[in-house]
Amino acid sequence: MNKKILFKLSVLFVLGFFGFIVISSTLLSYSTDLTSIISTYYVDNLYLTGALNSVVAILLDFRAYDTLGEILVIFVTISGISMLIGRKT
């Protein structure tokens, strides 16, 4: 097999494996009690944000640091994958 194809298949396998672990751990740790408490708080206190849209209020006021962290993780992940796949050997 060609080294490039083997490397790309290895990267895809590792990403798929870690994706499976993340998705399965998220599904196993899902708690409806805590989720309903948090969502009820968000909906009841939307007036505190002054936003016209509930989605914007939740993402930018209640969860701003969390959203920024998620965007940073996604950006770093995409950058790393593109560097690995586009690497010249």
PDB file of N, CA and C in Angstrom:
ATOM      1  N   MET A   1       0.835  -1.181   0.000  1.00  0.00           N
ATOM      2  CA  MET A   1       0.000   0.000   0.000  1.00  0.00           C
ATOM      3  C   MET A   1       0.883   1.248   0.000  1.00  0.00           C
ATOM      4  N   ASN A   2       0.382   2.300  -0.597  1.00  0.00           N
ATOM      5  CA  ASN A   2       1.110   3.546  -0.634  1.00  0.00           C
ATOM      6  C   ASN A   2       1.172   4.156   0.771  1.00  0.00           C
ATOM      7  N   LYS A   3       2.279   4.818   1.090  1.00  0.00           N
ATOM      8  CA  LYS A   3       2.440   5.399   2.430  1.00  0.00           C
ATOM      9  C   LYS A   3       1.427   6.494   2.697  1.00  0.00           C
ATOM     10  N   LYS A   4       1.097   7.293   1.678  1.00  0.00           N
ATOM     11  CA  LYS A   4       0.129   8.377   1.861  1.00  0.00           C
ATOM     12  C   LYS A   4      -1.252   7.821   2.182  1.00  0.00           C
ATOM     13  N   ILE A   5      -1.646   6.805   1.475  1.00  0.00           N
ATOM     14  CA  ILE A   5      -2.967   6.211   1.711  1.00  0.00           C
ATOM     15  C   ILE A   5      -3.019   5.573   3.090  1.00  0.00           C
ATOM     16  N   LEU A   6      -1.964   4.884   3.474  1.00  0.00           N
ATOM     17  CA  LEU A   6      -1.907   4.260   4.793  1.00  0.00           C
ATOM     18  C   LEU A   6      -1.962   5.311   5.899  1.00  0.00           C
ATOM     19  N   PHE A   7      -1.252   6.412   5.707  1.00  0.00           N
ATOM     20  CA  PHE A   7      -1.266   7.490   6.704  1.00  0.00           C
ATOM     21  C   PHE A   7      -2.655   8.104   6.826  1.00  0.00           C
ATOM     22  N   LYS A   8      -3.309   8.366   5.695  1.00  0.00           N
ATOM     23  CA  LYS A   8      -4.654   8.953   5.729  1.00  0.00           C
ATOM     24  C   LYS A   8      -5.653   7.999   6.371  1.00  0.00           C
ATOM     25  N   LEU A   9      -5.535   6.718   6.075  1.00  0.00           N
ATOM     26  CA  LEU A   9      -6.426   5.744   6.707  1.00  0.00           C
ATOM     27  C   LEU A   9      -6.183   5.664   8.213  1.00  0.00           C
ATOM     28  N   SER A  10      -4.943   5.762   8.629  1.00  0.00           N
ATOM     29  CA  SER A  10      -4.625   5.746  10.058  1.00  0.00           C
ATOM     30  C   SER A  10      -5.220   6.952  10.764  1.00  0.00           C
ATOM     31  N   VAL A  11      -5.093   8.129  10.144  1.00  0.00           N
ATOM     32  CA  VAL A  11      -5.653   9.349  10.733  1.00  0.00           C
ATOM     33  C   VAL A  11      -7.173   9.231  10.833  1.00  0.00           C
ATOM     34  N   LEU A  12      -7.811   8.755   9.771  1.00  0.00           N
ATOM     35  CA  LEU A  12      -9.266   8.594   9.806  1.00  0.00           C
ATOM     36  C   LEU A  12      -9.703   7.581  10.853  1.00  0.00           C
ATOM     37  N   PHE A  13      -8.946   6.496  11.014  1.00  0.00           N
ATOM     38  CA  PHE A  13      -9.276   5.508  12.035  1.00  0.00           C
ATOM     39  C   PHE A  13      -9.179   6.109  13.437  1.00  0.00           C
ATOM     40  N   VAL A  14      -8.103   6.844  13.705  1.00  0.00           N
ATOM     41  CA  VAL A  14      -7.913   7.456  15.028  1.00  0.00           C
ATOM     42  C   VAL A  14      -9.014   8.476  15.299  1.00  0.00           C
ATOM     43  N   LEU A  15      -9.334   9.305  14.310  1.00  0.00           N
ATOM     44  CA  LEU A  15     -10.397  10.296  14.494  1.00  0.00           C
ATOM     45  C   LEU A  15     -11.745   9.622  14.724  1.00  0.00           C
ATOM     46  N   GLY A  16     -12.020   8.564  13.978  1.00  0.00           N
ATOM     47  CA  GLY A  16     -13.267   7.834  14.178  1.00  0.00           C
ATOM     48  C   GLY A  16     -13.341   7.189  15.546  1.00  0.00           C
ATOM     49  N   PHE A  17     -12.233   6.643  16.002  1.00  0.00           N
ATOM     50  CA  PHE A  17     -12.190   6.014  17.321  1.00  0.00           C
ATOM     51  C   PHE A  17     -12.449   7.039  18.430  1.00  0.00           C
ATOM     52  N   PHE A  18     -11.759   8.177  18.351  1.00  0.00           N
ATOM     53  CA  PHE A  18     -11.971   9.208  19.365  1.00  0.00           C
ATOM     54  C   PHE A  18     -13.370   9.808  19.267  1.00  0.00           C
ATOM     55  N   GLY A  19     -13.883   9.929  18.057  1.00  0.00           N
ATOM     56  CA  GLY A  19     -15.264  10.398  17.899  1.00  0.00           C
ATOM     57  C   GLY A  19     -16.254   9.454  18.554  1.00  0.00           C
ATOM     58  N   PHE A  20     -16.036   8.160  18.378  1.00  0.00           N
ATOM     59  CA  PHE A  20     -16.896   7.171  19.017  1.00  0.00           C
ATOM     60  C   PHE A  20     -16.827   7.278  20.538  1.00  0.00           C
ATOM     61  N   ILE A  21     -15.630   7.451  21.076  1.00  0.00           N
ATOM     62  CA  ILE A  21     -15.471   7.578  22.528  1.00  0.00           C
ATOM     63  C   ILE A  21     -16.182   8.816  23.048  1.00  0.00           C
ATOM     64  N   VAL A  22     -16.032   9.939  22.353  1.00  0.00           N
ATOM     65  CA  VAL A  22     -16.669  11.181  22.799  1.00  0.00           C
ATOM     66  C   VAL A  22     -18.188  11.064  22.741  1.00  0.00           C
ATOM     67  N   ILE A  23     -18.705  10.531  21.652  1.00  0.00           N
ATOM     68  CA  ILE A  23     -20.160  10.414  21.523  1.00  0.00           C
ATOM     69  C   ILE A  23     -20.724   9.434  22.549  1.00  0.00           C
ATOM     70  N   SER A  24     -20.077   8.302  22.747  1.00  0.00           N
ATOM     71  CA  SER A  24     -20.600   7.327  23.703  1.00  0.00           C
ATOM     72  C   SER A  24     -20.514   7.840  25.138  1.00  0.00           C
ATOM     73  N   SER A  25     -19.437   8.543  25.482  1.00  0.00           N
ATOM     74  CA  SER A  25     -19.345   9.080  26.841  1.00  0.00           C
ATOM     75  C   SER A  25     -20.352  10.197  27.064  1.00  0.00           C
ATOM     76  N   THR A  26     -20.646  10.968  26.032  1.00  0.00           N
ATOM     77  CA  THR A  26     -21.649  12.019  26.157  1.00  0.00           C
ATOM     78  C   THR A  26     -23.030  11.408  26.362  1.00  0.00           C
ATOM     79  N   LEU A  27     -23.340  10.377  25.615  1.00  0.00           N
ATOM     80  CA  LEU A  27     -24.650   9.739  25.762  1.00  0.00           C
ATOM     81  C   LEU A  27     -24.792   9.043  27.111  1.00  0.00           C
ATOM     82  N   LEU A  28     -23.719   8.481  27.632  1.00  0.00           N
ATOM     83  CA  LEU A  28     -23.801   7.791  28.916  1.00  0.00           C
ATOM     84  C   LEU A  28     -23.919   8.754  30.089  1.00  0.00           C
ATOM     85  N   SER A  29     -23.352   9.950  29.952  1.00  0.00           N
ATOM     86  CA  SER A  29     -23.369  10.887  31.074  1.00  0.00           C
ATOM     87  C   SER A  29     -24.508  11.888  30.990  1.00  0.00           C
ATOM     88  N   TYR A  30     -25.445  11.694  30.069  1.00  0.00           N
ATOM     89  CA  TYR A  30     -26.541  12.639  29.891  1.00  0.00           C
ATOM     90  C   TYR A  30     -27.496  12.549  31.073  1.00  0.00           C
ATOM     91  N   SER A  31     -27.734  13.686  31.700  1.00  0.00           N
ATOM     92  CA  SER A  31     -28.614  13.722  32.865  1.00  0.00           C
ATOM     93  C   SER A  31     -29.782  14.662  32.583  1.00  0.00           C
ATOM     94  N   THR A  32     -30.993  14.140  32.563  1.00  0.00           N
ATOM     95  CA  THR A  32     -32.152  14.972  32.244  1.00  0.00           C
ATOM     96  C   THR A  32     -32.518  15.896  33.396  1.00  0.00           C
ATOM     97  N   ASP A  33     -32.231  15.512  34.629  1.00  0.00           N
ATOM     98  CA  ASP A  33     -32.585  16.358  35.761  1.00  0.00           C
ATOM     99  C   ASP A  33     -31.787  17.655  35.739  1.00  0.00           C
ATOM    100  N   LEU A  34     -30.483  17.567  35.599  1.00  0.00           N
ATOM    101  CA  LEU A  34     -29.647  18.751  35.561  1.00  0.00           C
ATOM    102  C   LEU A  34     -29.940  19.588  34.324  1.00  0.00           C
ATOM    103  N   THR A  35     -30.167  18.938  33.201  1.00  0.00           N
ATOM    104  CA  THR A  35     -30.464  19.654  31.968  1.00  0.00           C
ATOM    105  C   THR A  35     -31.766  20.431  32.086  1.00  0.00           C
ATOM    106  N   SER A  36     -32.770  19.850  32.680  1.00  0.00           N
ATOM    107  CA  SER A  36     -34.046  20.552  32.808  1.00  0.00           C
ATOM    108  C   SER A  36     -33.937  21.721  33.784  1.00  0.00           C
ATOM    109  N   ILE A  37     -33.124  21.599  34.818  1.00  0.00           N
ATOM    110  CA  ILE A  37     -32.930  22.706  35.759  1.00  0.00           C
ATOM    111  C   ILE A  37     -32.235  23.874  35.081  1.00  0.00           C
ATOM    112  N   ILE A  38     -31.196  23.582  34.312  1.00  0.00           N
ATOM    113  CA  ILE A  38     -30.450  24.642  33.636  1.00  0.00           C
ATOM    114  C   ILE A  38     -31.301  25.297  32.557  1.00  0.00           C
ATOM    115  N   SER A  39     -32.000  24.514  31.755  1.00  0.00           N
ATOM    116  CA  SER A  39     -32.816  25.101  30.692  1.00  0.00           C
ATOM    117  C   SER A  39     -33.962  25.926  31.254  1.00  0.00           C
ATOM    118  N   THR A  40     -34.534  25.502  32.367  1.00  0.00           N
ATOM    119  CA  THR A  40     -35.587  26.287  33.006  1.00  0.00           C
ATOM    120  C   THR A  40     -35.039  27.609  33.503  1.00  0.00           C
ATOM    121  N   TYR A  41     -33.848  27.620  34.058  1.00  0.00           N
ATOM    122  CA  TYR A  41     -33.225  28.872  34.508  1.00  0.00           C
ATOM    123  C   TYR A  41     -32.996  29.810  33.337  1.00  0.00           C
ATOM    124  N   TYR A  42     -32.491  29.282  32.241  1.00  0.00           N
ATOM    125  CA  TYR A  42     -32.240  30.121  31.056  1.00  0.00           C
ATOM    126  C   TYR A  42     -33.530  30.765  30.554  1.00  0.00           C
ATOM    127  N   VAL A  43     -34.574  29.976  30.419  1.00  0.00           N
ATOM    128  CA  VAL A  43     -35.831  30.488  29.874  1.00  0.00           C
ATOM    129  C   VAL A  43     -36.481  31.478  30.831  1.00  0.00           C
ATOM    130  N   ASP A  44     -36.430  31.208  32.120  1.00  0.00           N
ATOM    131  CA  ASP A  44     -37.051  32.102  33.094  1.00  0.00           C
ATOM    132  C   ASP A  44     -36.320  33.432  33.234  1.00  0.00           C
ATOM    133  N   ASN A  45     -35.019  33.476  32.954  1.00  0.00           N
ATOM    134  CA  ASN A  45     -34.231  34.689  33.167  1.00  0.00           C
ATOM    135  C   ASN A  45     -33.721  35.327  31.875  1.00  0.00           C
ATOM    136  N   LEU A  46     -34.433  35.129  30.782  1.00  0.00           N
ATOM    137  CA  LEU A  46     -34.026  35.739  29.515  1.00  0.00           C
ATOM    138  C   LEU A  46     -34.083  37.263  29.576  1.00  0.00           C
ATOM    139  N   TYR A  47     -34.969  37.797  30.401  1.00  0.00           N
ATOM    140  CA  TYR A  47     -35.100  39.256  30.499  1.00  0.00           C
ATOM    141  C   TYR A  47     -33.826  39.908  31.054  1.00  0.00           C
ATOM    142  N   LEU A  48     -33.005  39.160  31.765  1.00  0.00           N
ATOM    143  CA  LEU A  48     -31.775  39.724  32.325  1.00  0.00           C
ATOM    144  C   LEU A  48     -30.753  40.084  31.248  1.00  0.00           C
ATOM    145  N   THR A  49     -30.829  39.439  30.104  1.00  0.00           N
ATOM    146  CA  THR A  49     -29.834  39.657  29.062  1.00  0.00           C
ATOM    147  C   THR A  49     -30.120  40.885  28.222  1.00  0.00           C
ATOM    148  N   GLY A  50     -31.367  41.230  28.045  1.00  0.00           N
ATOM    149  CA  GLY A  50     -31.723  42.356  27.188  1.00  0.00           C
ATOM    150  C   GLY A  50     -31.694  42.002  25.716  1.00  0.00           C
ATOM    151  N   ALA A  51     -31.489  40.740  25.374  1.00  0.00           N
ATOM    152  CA  ALA A  51     -31.439  40.312  23.977  1.00  0.00           C
ATOM    153  C   ALA A  51     -32.858  40.106  23.451  1.00  0.00           C
ATOM    154  N   LEU A  52     -33.017  40.297  22.139  1.00  0.00           N
ATOM    155  CA  LEU A  52     -34.322  40.115  21.517  1.00  0.00           C
ATOM    156  C   LEU A  52     -34.577  38.664  21.132  1.00  0.00           C
ATOM    157  N   ASN A  53     -33.526  37.899  21.007  1.00  0.00           N
ATOM    158  CA  ASN A  53     -33.623  36.517  20.551  1.00  0.00           C
ATOM    159  C   ASN A  53     -33.147  35.600  21.678  1.00  0.00           C
ATOM    160  N   SER A  54     -33.874  34.539  21.936  1.00  0.00           N
ATOM    161  CA  SER A  54     -33.500  33.646  23.041  1.00  0.00           C
ATOM    162  C   SER A  54     -32.218  32.865  22.741  1.00  0.00           C
ATOM    163  N   VAL A  55     -31.989  32.527  21.473  1.00  0.00           N
ATOM    164  CA  VAL A  55     -30.768  31.797  21.123  1.00  0.00           C
ATOM    165  C   VAL A  55     -29.539  32.668  21.364  1.00  0.00           C
ATOM    166  N   VAL A  56     -29.614  33.914  20.941  1.00  0.00           N
ATOM    167  CA  VAL A  56     -28.508  34.847  21.155  1.00  0.00           C
ATOM    168  C   VAL A  56     -28.301  35.090  22.643  1.00  0.00           C
ATOM    169  N   ALA A  57     -29.367  35.191  23.384  1.00  0.00           N
ATOM    170  CA  ALA A  57     -29.252  35.413  24.824  1.00  0.00           C
ATOM    171  C   ALA A  57     -28.528  34.263  25.501  1.00  0.00           C
ATOM    172  N   ILE A  58     -28.869  33.046  25.128  1.00  0.00           N
ATOM    173  CA  ILE A  58     -28.246  31.892  25.766  1.00  0.00           C
ATOM    174  C   ILE A  58     -26.790  31.748  25.333  1.00  0.00           C
ATOM    175  N   LEU A  59     -26.523  31.861  24.023  1.00  0.00           N
ATOM    176  CA  LEU A  59     -25.161  31.645  23.540  1.00  0.00           C
ATOM    177  C   LEU A  59     -24.198  32.755  23.925  1.00  0.00           C
ATOM    178  N   LEU A  60     -24.631  33.991  23.881  1.00  0.00           N
ATOM    179  CA  LEU A  60     -23.699  35.092  24.094  1.00  0.00           C
ATOM    180  C   LEU A  60     -23.708  35.650  25.509  1.00  0.00           C
ATOM    181  N   ASP A  61     -24.768  35.438  26.255  1.00  0.00           N
ATOM    182  CA  ASP A  61     -24.799  35.965  27.616  1.00  0.00           C
ATOM    183  C   ASP A  61     -24.600  34.890  28.675  1.00  0.00           C
ATOM    184  N   PHE A  62     -25.376  33.839  28.613  1.00  0.00           N
ATOM    185  CA  PHE A  62     -25.279  32.807  29.637  1.00  0.00           C
ATOM    186  C   PHE A  62     -24.083  31.888  29.425  1.00  0.00           C
ATOM    187  N   ARG A  63     -23.746  31.606  28.163  1.00  0.00           N
ATOM    188  CA  ARG A  63     -22.714  30.607  27.868  1.00  0.00           C
ATOM    189  C   ARG A  63     -21.607  31.165  26.994  1.00  0.00           C
ATOM    190  N   ALA A  64     -21.242  32.406  27.164  1.00  0.00           N
ATOM    191  CA  ALA A  64     -20.276  33.056  26.264  1.00  0.00           C
ATOM    192  C   ALA A  64     -18.906  32.381  26.318  1.00  0.00           C
ATOM    193  N   TYR A  65     -18.394  32.119  27.500  1.00  0.00           N
ATOM    194  CA  TYR A  65     -17.071  31.494  27.603  1.00  0.00           C
ATOM    195  C   TYR A  65     -17.093  30.059  27.083  1.00  0.00           C
ATOM    196  N   ASP A  66     -18.167  29.358  27.322  1.00  0.00           N
ATOM    197  CA  ASP A  66     -18.294  27.992  26.836  1.00  0.00           C
ATOM    198  C   ASP A  66     -18.322  27.969  25.313  1.00  0.00           C
ATOM    199  N   THR A  67     -19.087  28.891  24.709  1.00  0.00           N
ATOM    200  CA  THR A  67     -19.162  28.971  23.251  1.00  0.00           C
ATOM    201  C   THR A  67     -17.810  29.338  22.661  1.00  0.00           C
ATOM    202  N   LEU A  68     -17.112  30.269  23.268  1.00  0.00           N
ATOM    203  CA  LEU A  68     -15.792  30.660  22.791  1.00  0.00           C
ATOM    204  C   LEU A  68     -14.818  29.478  22.878  1.00  0.00           C
ATOM    205  N   GLY A  69     -14.889  28.733  23.941  1.00  0.00           N
ATOM    206  CA  GLY A  69     -14.034  27.555  24.082  1.00  0.00           C
ATOM    207  C   GLY A  69     -14.339  26.493  23.050  1.00  0.00           C
ATOM    208  N   GLU A  70     -15.625  26.269  22.749  1.00  0.00           N
ATOM    209  CA  GLU A  70     -15.998  25.289  21.737  1.00  0.00           C
ATOM    210  C   GLU A  70     -15.488  25.709  20.361  1.00  0.00           C
ATOM    211  N   ILE A  71     -15.604  26.993  20.042  1.00  0.00           N
ATOM    212  CA  ILE A  71     -15.127  27.489  18.757  1.00  0.00           C
ATOM    213  C   ILE A  71     -13.612  27.313  18.660  1.00  0.00           C
ATOM    214  N   LEU A  72     -12.906  27.582  19.746  1.00  0.00           N
ATOM    215  CA  LEU A  72     -11.451  27.429  19.748  1.00  0.00           C
ATOM    216  C   LEU A  72     -11.050  25.969  19.545  1.00  0.00           C
ATOM    217  N   VAL A  73     -11.734  25.061  20.212  1.00  0.00           N
ATOM    218  CA  VAL A  73     -11.419  23.633  20.066  1.00  0.00           C
ATOM    219  C   VAL A  73     -11.691  23.165  18.643  1.00  0.00           C
ATOM    220  N   ILE A  74     -12.798  23.581  18.064  1.00  0.00           N
ATOM    221  CA  ILE A  74     -13.119  23.191  16.692  1.00  0.00           C
ATOM    222  C   ILE A  74     -12.085  23.756  15.716  1.00  0.00           C
ATOM    223  N   PHE A  75     -11.684  25.002  15.904  1.00  0.00           N
ATOM    224  CA  PHE A  75     -10.694  25.621  15.020  1.00  0.00           C
ATOM    225  C   PHE A  75      -9.350  24.891  15.098  1.00  0.00           C
ATOM    226  N   VAL A  76      -8.898  24.590  16.309  1.00  0.00           N
ATOM    227  CA  VAL A  76      -7.623  23.896  16.469  1.00  0.00           C
ATOM    228  C   VAL A  76      -7.691  22.490  15.874  1.00  0.00           C
ATOM    229  N   THR A  77      -8.806  21.813  16.050  1.00  0.00           N
ATOM    230  CA  THR A  77      -8.974  20.472  15.508  1.00  0.00           C
ATOM    231  C   THR A  77      -8.945  20.482  13.985  1.00  0.00           C
ATOM    232  N   ILE A  78      -9.683  21.399  13.383  1.00  0.00           N
ATOM    233  CA  ILE A  78      -9.700  21.481  11.920  1.00  0.00           C
ATOM    234  C   ILE A  78      -8.324  21.851  11.392  1.00  0.00           C
ATOM    235  N   SER A  79      -7.639  22.759  12.062  1.00  0.00           N
ATOM    236  CA  SER A  79      -6.287  23.135  11.630  1.00  0.00           C
ATOM    237  C   SER A  79      -5.337  21.944  11.711  1.00  0.00           C
ATOM    238  N   GLY A  80      -5.409  21.187  12.788  1.00  0.00           N
ATOM    239  CA  GLY A  80      -4.538  20.022  12.943  1.00  0.00           C
ATOM    240  C   GLY A  80      -4.817  18.946  11.917  1.00  0.00           C
ATOM    241  N   ILE A  81      -6.077  18.682  11.660  1.00  0.00           N
ATOM    242  CA  ILE A  81      -6.437  17.656  10.674  1.00  0.00           C
ATOM    243  C   ILE A  81      -5.987  18.080   9.287  1.00  0.00           C
ATOM    244  N   SER A  82      -6.205  19.339   8.938  1.00  0.00           N
ATOM    245  CA  SER A  82      -5.799  19.792   7.600  1.00  0.00           C
ATOM    246  C   SER A  82      -4.278  19.766   7.449  1.00  0.00           C
ATOM    247  N   MET A  83      -3.549  20.034   8.514  1.00  0.00           N
ATOM    248  CA  MET A  83      -2.095  19.943   8.428  1.00  0.00           C
ATOM    249  C   MET A  83      -1.647  18.494   8.283  1.00  0.00           C
ATOM    250  N   LEU A  84      -2.300  17.570   8.977  1.00  0.00           N
ATOM    251  CA  LEU A  84      -1.924  16.161   8.872  1.00  0.00           C
ATOM    252  C   LEU A  84      -2.251  15.576   7.507  1.00  0.00           C
ATOM    253  N   ILE A  85      -3.437  15.861   6.995  1.00  0.00           N
ATOM    254  CA  ILE A  85      -3.841  15.291   5.721  1.00  0.00           C
ATOM    255  C   ILE A  85      -3.097  15.955   4.560  1.00  0.00           C
ATOM    256  N   GLY A  86      -2.855  17.248   4.651  1.00  0.00           N
ATOM    257  CA  GLY A  86      -2.198  17.943   3.567  1.00  0.00           C
ATOM    258  C   GLY A  86      -0.692  17.890   3.608  1.00  0.00           C
ATOM    259  N   ARG A  87      -0.116  17.122   4.502  1.00  0.00           N
ATOM    260  CA  ARG A  87       1.333  17.033   4.673  1.00  0.00           C
ATOM    261  C   ARG A  87       1.975  16.326   3.486  1.00  0.00           C
ATOM    262  N   LYS A  88       3.078  16.858   3.028  1.00  0.00           N
ATOM    263  CA  LYS A  88       3.811  16.249   1.911  1.00  0.00           C
ATOM    264  C   LYS A  88       4.922  15.386   2.473  1.00  0.00           C
ATOM    265  N   THR A  89       5.019  14.164   1.976  1.00  0.00           N
ATOM    266  CA  THR A  89       6.054  13.246   2.461  1.00  0.00           C
ATOM    267  C   THR A  89       7.145  13.072   1.436  1.00  0.00           C
TER     268      THR A  89
END
